[in-house]
C-alpha atoms as a PDB file:
ATOM      1  CA  MET A   1      22.797  30.701  27.540  1.00  0.00           C
ATOM      2  CA  ALA A   2      25.137  27.873  28.557  1.00  0.00           C
ATOM      3  CA  SER A   3      22.777  25.306  27.035  1.00  0.00           C
ATOM      4  CA  SER A   4      22.656  27.264  23.766  1.00  0.00           C
ATOM      5  CA  THR A   5      26.445  27.501  23.656  1.00  0.00           C
ATOM      6  CA  SER A   6      26.765  23.758  24.295  1.00  0.00           C
ATOM      7  CA  SER A   7      24.290  23.034  21.497  1.00  0.00           C
ATOM      8  CA  ASN A   8      26.203  25.236  19.072  1.00  0.00           C
ATOM      9  CA  ASN A   9      29.481  23.557  20.037  1.00  0.00           C
ATOM     10  CA  SER A  10      27.961  20.118  19.415  1.00  0.00           C
ATOM     11  CA  PHE A  11      26.621  21.200  16.043  1.00  0.00           C
ATOM     12  CA  SER A  12      30.071  22.528  15.141  1.00  0.00           C
ATOM     13  CA  ILE A  13      31.539  19.103  15.918  1.00  0.00           C
ATOM     14  CA  TYR A  14      29.002  17.428  13.625  1.00  0.00           C
ATOM     15  CA  ARG A  15      29.823  19.845  10.816  1.00  0.00           C
ATOM     16  CA  THR A  16      33.539  19.245  11.262  1.00  0.00           C
ATOM     17  CA  SER A  17      33.085  15.465  11.041  1.00  0.00           C
ATOM     18  CA  ILE A  18      31.091  15.734   7.813  1.00  0.00           C
ATOM     19  CA  GLU A  19      33.470  18.235   6.223  1.00  0.00           C
ATOM     20  CA  GLN A  20      36.423  15.973   7.020  1.00  0.00           C
ATOM     21  CA  VAL A  21      34.710  13.127   5.165  1.00  0.00           C
ATOM     22  CA  MET A  22      33.957  15.394   2.213  1.00  0.00           C
ATOM     23  CA  ARG A  23      37.614  16.446   2.015  1.00  0.00           C
ATOM     24  CA  GLY A  24      38.864  12.878   2.329  1.00  0.00           C
ATOM     25  CA  GLN A  25      36.583  11.217  -0.177  1.00  0.00           C
ATOM     26  CA  GLU A  26      38.384   7.892   0.191  1.00  0.00           C
ATOM     27  CA  ARG A  27      36.431   7.575   3.437  1.00  0.00           C
ATOM     28  CA  LEU A  28      33.151   7.538   1.504  1.00  0.00           C
ATOM     29  CA  PRO A  29      31.868   4.044   0.692  1.00  0.00           C
ATOM     30  CA  SER A  30      32.161   2.488  -2.749  1.00  0.00           C
ATOM     31  CA  LEU A  31      29.441   0.409  -4.358  1.00  0.00           C
ATOM     32  CA  PRO A  32      30.163  -3.327  -4.085  1.00  0.00           C
ATOM     33  CA  THR A  33      31.674  -4.849  -7.228  1.00  0.00           C
ATOM     34  CA  ILE A  34      28.738  -7.239  -7.520  1.00  0.00           C
ATOM     35  CA  THR A  35      26.279  -4.316  -7.594  1.00  0.00           C
ATOM     36  CA  LEU A  36      28.150  -2.578 -10.415  1.00  0.00           C
ATOM     37  CA  LYS A  37      28.461  -5.870 -12.292  1.00  0.00           C
ATOM     38  CA  ILE A  38      24.723  -6.543 -12.049  1.00  0.00           C
ATOM     39  CA  ARG A  39      23.795  -3.000 -13.142  1.00  0.00           C
ATOM     40  CA  ARG A  40      26.080  -3.219 -16.188  1.00  0.00           C
ATOM     41  CA  ALA A  41      24.744  -6.651 -17.093  1.00  0.00           C
ATOM     42  CA  ALA A  42      21.135  -5.492 -16.816  1.00  0.00           C
ATOM     43  CA  ALA A  43      21.866  -2.652 -19.250  1.00  0.00           C
ATOM     44  CA  ASP A  44      23.086  -5.188 -21.841  1.00  0.00           C
ATOM     45  CA  PRO A  45      20.171  -6.479 -23.968  1.00  0.00           C
ATOM     46  CA  ASN A  46      22.019  -9.786 -24.413  1.00  0.00           C
ATOM     47  CA  THR A  47      21.961 -10.555 -20.684  1.00  0.00           C
ATOM     48  CA  THR A  48      19.633 -13.432 -19.842  1.00  0.00           C
ATOM     49  CA  ILE A  49      17.799 -14.233 -16.633  1.00  0.00           C
ATOM     50  CA  GLN A  50      20.206 -17.147 -16.216  1.00  0.00           C
ATOM     51  CA  ASN A  51      23.196 -14.771 -16.468  1.00  0.00           C
ATOM     52  CA  LEU A  52      21.719 -12.492 -13.814  1.00  0.00           C
ATOM     53  CA  SER A  53      20.818 -15.437 -11.599  1.00  0.00           C
ATOM     54  CA  ASP A  54      24.434 -16.667 -11.741  1.00  0.00           C
ATOM     55  CA  MET A  55      25.736 -13.229 -10.711  1.00  0.00           C
ATOM     56  CA  ILE A  56      23.325 -12.753  -7.816  1.00  0.00           C
ATOM     57  CA  GLY A  57      23.989 -16.326  -6.689  1.00  0.00           C
ATOM     58  CA  GLN A  58      27.594 -15.340  -5.956  1.00  0.00           C
ATOM     59  CA  ASP A  59      26.384 -13.289  -2.982  1.00  0.00           C
ATOM     60  CA  PRO A  60      24.476 -15.381  -0.379  1.00  0.00           C
ATOM     61  CA  SER A  61      22.978 -12.347   1.428  1.00  0.00           C
ATOM     62  CA  LEU A  62      21.770 -10.854  -1.841  1.00  0.00           C
ATOM     63  CA  THR A  63      20.265 -14.203  -2.823  1.00  0.00           C
ATOM     64  CA  VAL A  64      18.286 -14.259   0.432  1.00  0.00           C
ATOM     65  CA  VAL A  65      17.011 -10.706  -0.172  1.00  0.00           C
ATOM     66  CA  VAL A  66      15.825 -11.462  -3.721  1.00  0.00           C
ATOM     67  CA  MET A  67      14.126 -14.726  -2.757  1.00  0.00           C
ATOM     68  CA  HIS A  68      12.467 -13.169   0.288  1.00  0.00           C
ATOM     69  CA  HIS A  69      11.177 -10.222  -1.732  1.00  0.00           C
ATOM     70  CA  SER A  70       9.726 -12.485  -4.432  1.00  0.00           C
ATOM     71  CA  ARG A  71       7.407 -13.905  -1.757  1.00  0.00           C
ATOM     72  CA  SER A  72       6.100 -10.513  -0.645  1.00  0.00           C
ATOM     73  CA  PRO A  73       2.416  -9.593  -1.106  1.00  0.00           C
ATOM     74  CA  LEU A  74       3.358  -7.562  -4.196  1.00  0.00           C
ATOM     75  CA  PHE A  75       4.117 -10.750  -6.098  1.00  0.00           C
ATOM     76  CA  LYS A  76       1.494 -13.204  -4.944  1.00  0.00           C
ATOM     77  CA  THR A  77       1.012 -15.894  -7.556  1.00  0.00           C
ATOM     78  CA  ARG A  78      -0.252 -19.449  -7.572  1.00  0.00           C
ATOM     79  CA  THR A  79       3.274 -20.748  -8.077  1.00  0.00           C
ATOM     80  CA  GLU A  80       5.896 -19.594  -5.572  1.00  0.00           C
ATOM     81  CA  ALA A  81       9.404 -18.852  -6.858  1.00  0.00           C
ATOM     82  CA  LYS A  82      11.611 -21.856  -6.034  1.00  0.00           C
ATOM     83  CA  SER A  83      14.847 -20.567  -7.542  1.00  0.00           C
ATOM     84  CA  LEU A  84      16.637 -17.313  -8.298  1.00  0.00           C
ATOM     85  CA  GLU A  85      15.648 -17.659 -11.934  1.00  0.00           C
ATOM     86  CA  ASP A  86      12.005 -18.014 -10.931  1.00  0.00           C
ATOM     87  CA  ALA A  87      12.252 -14.952  -8.675  1.00  0.00           C
ATOM     88  CA  ILE A  88      13.882 -12.784 -11.355  1.00  0.00           C
ATOM     89  CA  ARG A  89      11.338 -13.871 -13.931  1.00  0.00           C
ATOM     90  CA  LEU A  90       8.489 -13.145 -11.497  1.00  0.00           C
ATOM     91  CA  MET A  91       9.672  -9.656 -10.492  1.00  0.00           C
ATOM     92  CA  GLY A  92      11.349  -8.596 -13.732  1.00  0.00           C
ATOM     93  CA  ILE A  93      14.986  -7.615 -14.309  1.00  0.00           C
ATOM     94  CA  PRO A  94      14.530  -3.820 -13.712  1.00  0.00           C
ATOM     95  CA  TYR A  95      12.830  -4.459 -10.361  1.00  0.00           C
ATOM     96  CA  VAL A  96      15.525  -6.913  -9.261  1.00  0.00           C
ATOM     97  CA  VAL A  97      18.309  -4.509 -10.220  1.00  0.00           C
ATOM     98  CA  ASN A  98      16.676  -1.828  -8.072  1.00  0.00           C
ATOM     99  CA  LEU A  99      16.361  -4.341  -5.252  1.00  0.00           C
ATOM    100  CA  VAL A 100      20.106  -4.970  -5.491  1.00  0.00           C
ATOM    101  CA  MET A 101      20.759  -1.225  -5.265  1.00  0.00           C
ATOM    102  CA  ILE A 102      18.488  -0.882  -2.209  1.00  0.00           C
ATOM    103  CA  HIS A 103      20.306  -3.743  -0.477  1.00  0.00           C
ATOM    104  CA  SER A 104      23.655  -2.115  -1.270  1.00  0.00           C
ATOM    105  CA  LEU A 105      22.585   1.311   0.006  1.00  0.00           C
ATOM    106  CA  LYS A 106      21.316  -0.056   3.302  1.00  0.00           C
ATOM    107  CA  SER A 107      24.453  -2.172   3.755  1.00  0.00           C
ATOM    108  CA  LEU A 108      26.885   0.625   2.870  1.00  0.00           C
ATOM    109  CA  PHE A 109      25.493   3.095   5.363  1.00  0.00           C
ATOM    110  CA  LEU A 110      24.864   0.650   8.181  1.00  0.00           C
ATOM    111  CA  VAL A 111      25.469   2.289  11.581  1.00  0.00           C
ATOM    112  CA  GLN A 112      25.835   0.593  14.974  1.00  0.00           C
ATOM    113  CA  ASN A 113      25.117   3.472  17.355  1.00  0.00           C
ATOM    114  CA  PRO A 114      21.501   3.127  18.623  1.00  0.00           C
ATOM    115  CA  GLY A 115      20.866   6.873  18.272  1.00  0.00           C
ATOM    116  CA  LEU A 116      22.119   6.936  14.690  1.00  0.00           C
ATOM    117  CA  LYS A 117      20.104   3.789  13.952  1.00  0.00           C
ATOM    118  CA  ALA A 118      16.965   5.594  15.095  1.00  0.00           C
ATOM    119  CA  LEU A 119      17.732   8.525  12.765  1.00  0.00           C
ATOM    120  CA  PHE A 120      18.446   6.069   9.933  1.00  0.00           C
ATOM    121  CA  ALA A 121      15.051   4.416  10.485  1.00  0.00           C
ATOM    122  CA  ILE A 122      13.263   7.779  10.324  1.00  0.00           C
ATOM    123  CA  SER A 123      15.160   8.814   7.200  1.00  0.00           C
ATOM    124  CA  TRP A 124      14.717   5.473   5.451  1.00  0.00           C
ATOM    125  CA  LYS A 125      10.980   5.425   6.153  1.00  0.00           C
ATOM    126  CA  ARG A 126      10.582   8.726   4.320  1.00  0.00           C
ATOM    127  CA  GLN A 127      12.898   7.693   1.494  1.00  0.00           C
ATOM    128  CA  ALA A 128      11.077   4.395   0.982  1.00  0.00           C
ATOM    129  CA  LEU A 129       7.731   6.205   0.858  1.00  0.00           C
ATOM    130  CA  LYS A 130       9.146   8.780  -1.545  1.00  0.00           C
ATOM    131  CA  ALA A 131      10.647   6.154  -3.855  1.00  0.00           C
ATOM    132  CA  SER A 132       7.470   4.063  -3.945  1.00  0.00           C
ATOM    133  CA  MET A 133       5.429   7.190  -4.624  1.00  0.00           C
ATOM    134  CA  SER A 134       7.804   8.119  -7.450  1.00  0.00           C
ATOM    135  CA  ARG A 135       7.238   4.780  -9.129  1.00  0.00           C
ATOM    136  CA  PHE A 136       3.478   5.042  -8.619  1.00  0.00           C
ATOM    137  CA  LEU A 137       3.293   8.550 -10.129  1.00  0.00           C
ATOM    138  CA  ALA A 138       5.537   7.544 -13.033  1.00  0.00           C
ATOM    139  CA  VAL A 139       3.155   4.692 -13.848  1.00  0.00           C
ATOM    140  CA  LYS A 140       0.076   6.912 -13.609  1.00  0.00           C
ATOM    141  CA  LEU A 141       1.730   9.543 -15.804  1.00  0.00           C
ATOM    142  CA  GLY A 142       2.511   6.942 -18.453  1.00  0.00           C
ATOM    143  CA  MET A 143       6.282   7.209 -18.235  1.00  0.00           C
ATOM    144  CA  GLN A 144       8.000   4.374 -20.066  1.00  0.00           C
ATOM    145  CA  THR A 145      10.480   3.636 -17.274  1.00  0.00           C
ATOM    146  CA  PRO A 146       8.807   3.948 -13.849  1.00  0.00           C
ATOM    147  CA  ASP A 147      11.697   2.046 -12.260  1.00  0.00           C
ATOM    148  CA  GLU A 148      13.954   4.893 -13.379  1.00  0.00           C
ATOM    149  CA  ALA A 149      11.906   7.291 -11.240  1.00  0.00           C
ATOM    150  CA  PHE A 150      12.124   4.829  -8.345  1.00  0.00           C
ATOM    151  CA  ILE A 151      15.912   4.518  -8.338  1.00  0.00           C
ATOM    152  CA  SER A 152      16.386   8.230  -9.077  1.00  0.00           C
ATOM    153  CA  SER A 153      14.333   8.991  -5.985  1.00  0.00           C
ATOM    154  CA  LEU A 154      16.471   6.768  -3.770  1.00  0.00           C
ATOM    155  CA  LEU A 155      19.813   7.939  -5.153  1.00  0.00           C
ATOM    156  CA  SER A 156      18.816  11.599  -4.883  1.00  0.00           C
ATOM    157  CA  GLU A 157      19.105  11.388  -1.100  1.00  0.00           C
ATOM    158  CA  VAL A 158      22.103   9.143  -0.663  1.00  0.00           C
ATOM    159  CA  GLY A 159      23.723  12.140   1.032  1.00  0.00           C
ATOM    160  CA  THR A 160      21.281  11.992   3.952  1.00  0.00           C
ATOM    161  CA  LEU A 161      22.456   8.438   4.690  1.00  0.00           C
ATOM    162  CA  ALA A 162      26.104   9.407   4.211  1.00  0.00           C
ATOM    163  CA  ILE A 163      25.722  12.062   6.918  1.00  0.00           C
ATOM    164  CA  LEU A 164      24.853   9.359   9.450  1.00  0.00           C
ATOM    165  CA  SER A 165      27.835   7.302   8.311  1.00  0.00           C
ATOM    166  CA  ALA A 166      30.104  10.340   8.699  1.00  0.00           C
ATOM    167  CA  LEU A 167      28.895  10.802  12.280  1.00  0.00           C
ATOM    168  CA  SER A 168      29.529   7.196  13.303  1.00  0.00           C
ATOM    169  CA  GLU A 169      32.642   8.142  15.297  1.00  0.00           C
ATOM    170  CA  THR A 170      31.224  11.168  17.115  1.00  0.00           C
ATOM    171  CA  ARG A 171      30.506  10.713  20.816  1.00  0.00           C
ATOM    172  CA  GLN A 172      27.264  12.665  20.874  1.00  0.00           C
ATOM    173  CA  VAL A 173      24.421  11.790  18.511  1.00  0.00           C
ATOM    174  CA  PRO A 174      22.508  14.740  17.023  1.00  0.00           C
ATOM    175  CA  ASP A 175      18.808  14.996  17.747  1.00  0.00           C
ATOM    176  CA  GLN A 176      16.341  14.986  14.855  1.00  0.00           C
ATOM    177  CA  VAL A 177      16.312  18.779  14.556  1.00  0.00           C
ATOM    178  CA  ALA A 178      20.127  18.958  14.331  1.00  0.00           C
ATOM    179  CA  TYR A 179      20.175  16.074  11.856  1.00  0.00           C
ATOM    180  CA  LEU A 180      17.708  17.882   9.583  1.00  0.00           C
ATOM    181  CA  ARG A 181      19.892  21.010   9.758  1.00  0.00           C
ATOM    182  CA  LEU A 182      22.896  18.932   8.726  1.00  0.00           C
ATOM    183  CA  CYS A 183      20.909  17.393   5.868  1.00  0.00           C
ATOM    184  CA  ARG A 184      19.915  20.813   4.578  1.00  0.00           C
ATOM    185  CA  ALA A 185      23.529  21.970   4.724  1.00  0.00           C
ATOM    186  CA  TYR A 186      25.367  18.926   3.370  1.00  0.00           C
ATOM    187  CA  SER A 187      23.164  16.200   1.873  1.00  0.00           C
ATOM    188  CA  LYS A 188      23.161  17.549  -1.700  1.00  0.00           C
ATOM    189  CA  SER A 189      26.925  18.089  -1.788  1.00  0.00           C
ATOM    190  CA  LEU A 190      27.554  14.627  -0.355  1.00  0.00           C
ATOM    191  CA  ALA A 191      25.113  13.012  -2.797  1.00  0.00           C
ATOM    192  CA  VAL A 192      26.838  14.625  -5.783  1.00  0.00           C
ATOM    193  CA  ILE A 193      30.284  13.545  -4.538  1.00  0.00           C
ATOM    194  CA  ILE A 194      29.139   9.966  -3.904  1.00  0.00           C
ATOM    195  CA  LEU A 195      27.239   9.535  -7.188  1.00  0.00           C
ATOM    196  CA  LYS A 196      30.231  10.819  -9.136  1.00  0.00           C
ATOM    197  CA  LYS A 197      32.510   8.486  -7.196  1.00  0.00           C
ATOM    198  CA  TRP A 198      30.221   5.609  -8.102  1.00  0.00           C
ATOM    199  CA  ASP A 199      30.349   6.722 -11.750  1.00  0.00           C
ATOM    200  CA  MET A 200      26.570   6.956 -11.900  1.00  0.00           C
ATOM    201  CA  ASP A 201      24.977   8.524 -14.968  1.00  0.00           C
ATOM    202  CA  SER A 202      24.962  12.336 -14.925  1.00  0.00           C
ATOM    203  CA  ARG A 203      21.145  12.401 -14.879  1.00  0.00           C
ATOM    204  CA  TYR A 204      21.192  10.985 -11.337  1.00  0.00           C
ATOM    205  CA  VAL A 205      23.637  13.696 -10.283  1.00  0.00           C
ATOM    206  CA  GLU A 206      21.389  16.418 -11.716  1.00  0.00           C
ATOM    207  CA  ILE A 207      18.332  14.994  -9.975  1.00  0.00           C
ATOM    208  CA  ALA A 208      20.251  14.934  -6.677  1.00  0.00           C
ATOM    209  CA  ARG A 209      21.121  18.597  -7.207  1.00  0.00           C
ATOM    210  CA  GLY A 210      17.502  19.555  -7.950  1.00  0.00           C
ATOM    211  CA  CYS A 211      15.808  17.403  -5.303  1.00  0.00           C
ATOM    212  CA  GLY A 212      13.948  19.610  -2.834  1.00  0.00           C
ATOM    213  CA  GLU A 213      14.388  22.799  -4.812  1.00  0.00           C
ATOM    214  CA  TRP A 214      10.878  24.200  -4.484  1.00  0.00           C
ATOM    215  CA  GLN A 215      10.931  26.410  -7.541  1.00  0.00           C
ATOM    216  CA  GLN A 216       8.006  28.788  -7.434  1.00  0.00           C
ATOM    217  CA  VAL A 217       5.923  29.359 -10.547  1.00  0.00           C
ATOM    218  CA  LYS A 218       7.173  32.450 -12.358  1.00  0.00           C
ATOM    219  CA  SER A 219       5.733  32.018 -15.823  1.00  0.00           C
ATOM    220  CA  THR A 220       3.651  29.686 -17.933  1.00  0.00           C
ATOM    221  CA  ASP A 221       5.663  26.557 -18.628  1.00  0.00           C
ATOM    222  CA  ASN A 222       4.303  23.992 -21.053  1.00  0.00           C
ATOM    223  CA  SER A 223       7.320  21.694 -20.889  1.00  0.00           C
ATOM    224  CA  PRO A 224       6.546  18.046 -20.076  1.00  0.00           C
ATOM    225  CA  LEU A 225       6.940  16.570 -16.632  1.00  0.00           C
ATOM    226  CA  THR A 226      10.445  15.219 -15.955  1.00  0.00           C
ATOM    227  CA  THR A 227      11.780  12.533 -13.617  1.00  0.00           C
ATOM    228  CA  LEU A 228      13.000  15.337 -11.342  1.00  0.00           C
ATOM    229  CA  ASP A 229       9.455  16.728 -11.207  1.00  0.00           C
ATOM    230  CA  ILE A 230       8.142  13.334 -10.139  1.00  0.00           C
ATOM    231  CA  VAL A 231      10.861  12.989  -7.489  1.00  0.00           C
ATOM    232  CA  ASN A 232      10.020  16.439  -6.119  1.00  0.00           C
ATOM    233  CA  LEU A 233       6.287  15.762  -6.121  1.00  0.00           C
ATOM    234  CA  SER A 234       6.990  12.573  -4.170  1.00  0.00           C
ATOM    235  CA  LEU A 235       9.331  14.345  -1.757  1.00  0.00           C
ATOM    236  CA  TYR A 236       6.698  17.020  -1.151  1.00  0.00           C
ATOM    237  CA  HIS A 237       4.036  14.439  -0.360  1.00  0.00           C
ATOM    238  CA  SER A 238       6.242  12.205   1.797  1.00  0.00           C
ATOM    239  CA  VAL A 239       7.345  15.177   3.933  1.00  0.00           C
ATOM    240  CA  SER A 240       3.753  16.452   4.176  1.00  0.00           C
ATOM    241  CA  LEU A 241       2.463  13.080   5.296  1.00  0.00           C
ATOM    242  CA  LEU A 242       5.233  12.250   7.784  1.00  0.00           C
ATOM    243  CA  LYS A 243       5.968  15.692   9.233  1.00  0.00           C
ATOM    244  CA  ARG A 244       2.820  17.548  10.187  1.00  0.00           C
ATOM    245  CA  ASP A 245       4.650  20.709  11.259  1.00  0.00           C
ATOM    246  CA  HIS A 246       6.415  21.189   7.912  1.00  0.00           C
ATOM    247  CA  SER A 247       6.864  24.633   6.363  1.00  0.00           C
ATOM    248  CA  LEU A 248       6.445  23.649   2.716  1.00  0.00           C
ATOM    249  CA  PRO A 249       4.941  26.112   0.218  1.00  0.00           C
ATOM    250  CA  ALA A 250       1.506  25.365  -1.210  1.00  0.00           C
ATOM    251  CA  LEU A 251       1.685  22.550  -3.748  1.00  0.00           C
ATOM    252  CA  THR A 252      -0.124  24.679  -6.340  1.00  0.00           C
ATOM    253  CA  ASN A 253       2.764  27.191  -6.248  1.00  0.00           C
ATOM    254  CA  LEU A 254       5.310  24.695  -7.533  1.00  0.00           C
ATOM    255  CA  ASP A 255       6.394  24.234 -11.134  1.00  0.00           C
ATOM    256  CA  CYS A 256       6.236  20.442 -10.835  1.00  0.00           C
ATOM    257  CA  TYR A 257       2.535  20.711  -9.951  1.00  0.00           C
ATOM    258  CA  GLN A 258       1.785  23.174 -12.755  1.00  0.00           C
ATOM    259  CA  ARG A 259       3.118  20.704 -15.334  1.00  0.00           C
ATOM    260  CA  LEU A 260       0.751  17.938 -14.239  1.00  0.00           C
ATOM    261  CA  PRO A 261      -2.019  17.102 -16.688  1.00  0.00           C
ATOM    262  CA  ALA A 262      -5.318  18.586 -15.526  1.00  0.00           C
ATOM    263  CA  SER A 263      -6.868  15.132 -15.126  1.00  0.00           C
ATOM    264  CA  LEU A 264      -4.294  14.249 -12.437  1.00  0.00           C
ATOM    265  CA  ALA A 265      -3.936  17.653 -10.756  1.00  0.00           C
ATOM    266  CA  GLN A 266      -7.055  17.498  -8.558  1.00  0.00           C
ATOM    267  CA  LEU A 267      -6.367  18.241  -4.897  1.00  0.00           C
ATOM    268  CA  SER A 268      -7.675  16.583  -1.755  1.00  0.00           C
ATOM    269  CA  LYS A 269      -8.963  18.492   1.265  1.00  0.00           C
ATOM    270  CA  ASN A 270      -5.471  18.614   2.790  1.00  0.00           C
ATOM    271  CA  GLY A 271      -3.974  20.237  -0.305  1.00  0.00           C
ATOM    272  CA  LEU A 272      -2.242  17.131  -1.634  1.00  0.00           C
ATOM    273  CA  LEU A 273      -2.867  15.277  -4.880  1.00  0.00           C
ATOM    274  CA  GLN A 274      -6.129  13.346  -4.797  1.00  0.00           C
ATOM    275  CA  LEU A 275      -4.403  10.738  -6.940  1.00  0.00           C
ATOM    276  CA  VAL A 276      -1.921  10.092  -4.139  1.00  0.00           C
ATOM    277  CA  MET A 277      -4.409  10.200  -1.266  1.00  0.00           C
ATOM    278  CA  SER A 278      -6.837   7.833  -3.007  1.00  0.00           C
ATOM    279  CA  ASN A 279      -4.067   5.271  -3.538  1.00  0.00           C
ATOM    280  CA  LEU A 280      -2.069   5.878  -0.377  1.00  0.00           C
ATOM    281  CA  LYS A 281      -2.511   2.351   1.003  1.00  0.00           C
ATOM    282  CA  GLU A 282      -1.060   0.847  -2.173  1.00  0.00           C
ATOM    283  CA  ILE A 283       1.898   3.257  -2.028  1.00  0.00           C
ATOM    284  CA  VAL A 284       2.534   2.623   1.679  1.00  0.00           C
ATOM    285  CA  ASP A 285       2.298  -1.171   1.237  1.00  0.00           C
ATOM    286  CA  SER A 286       4.890  -0.940  -1.522  1.00  0.00           C
ATOM    287  CA  ALA A 287       7.149   1.223   0.661  1.00  0.00           C
ATOM    288  CA  GLN A 288       6.963  -1.235   3.552  1.00  0.00           C
ATOM    289  CA  THR A 289       8.484  -3.963   1.403  1.00  0.00           C
ATOM    290  CA  LEU A 290      11.682  -1.870   1.280  1.00  0.00           C
ATOM    291  CA  HIS A 291      12.227  -1.909   5.050  1.00  0.00           C
END
């Protein structure tokens, strides 16, 4: 009984810390100016690779990240990128802009406590897998902007990283079970607050709200697959693959599955999409480049 009471008291402290951050939103991190500047520039059709190279070059750490990533196995070519311009040209502007956002997210929610770092690593592993799977599915489904699915997937769970940041001053680190309880209770609300603070497009806010909502099939729905559907399909698969004792509903009971074209809806023996399982190595290799 004493142990249970102690556990409940600890959980109450975690909740209090997060709720204090939510009430005092000035304590939530802001996107770096350079990140916002690069995103705005990339949305302008008149922006050149040289323009983007000049902006990224203003941040030495970001320059290192872009150059390092251009030499990853995903972009093997006969001619290695020798400059920022080469790297941007090799990877493409949309990919580089997403890379900038990933770097910003990891930097913003950096935690020093070893216990929180371990939880961050677990959370980021799943998010990286989910984001890479989102891009993969978007490509296979013929969506015009697969990178949109990728960044939507990452931003949809910014709240799970913010929870760790909010707990950085607590003496006792939650275990994985307590952290997951906190995520279920607060990650969506935090994500919405943060994305609005960052002045992100409303579509990202709506995807954050709908991420992980396992809507059961209630009627025939012939509407096309959306970015949110892809994000949820990817979340479902990443949780299934990384957490064997999950309590997810059957994939076939979900609306996002029902809207898949029949040619891509075939299931593997473990009840997941055959499309995903047959290409899992490619998806995992892509996810590992984000670590």
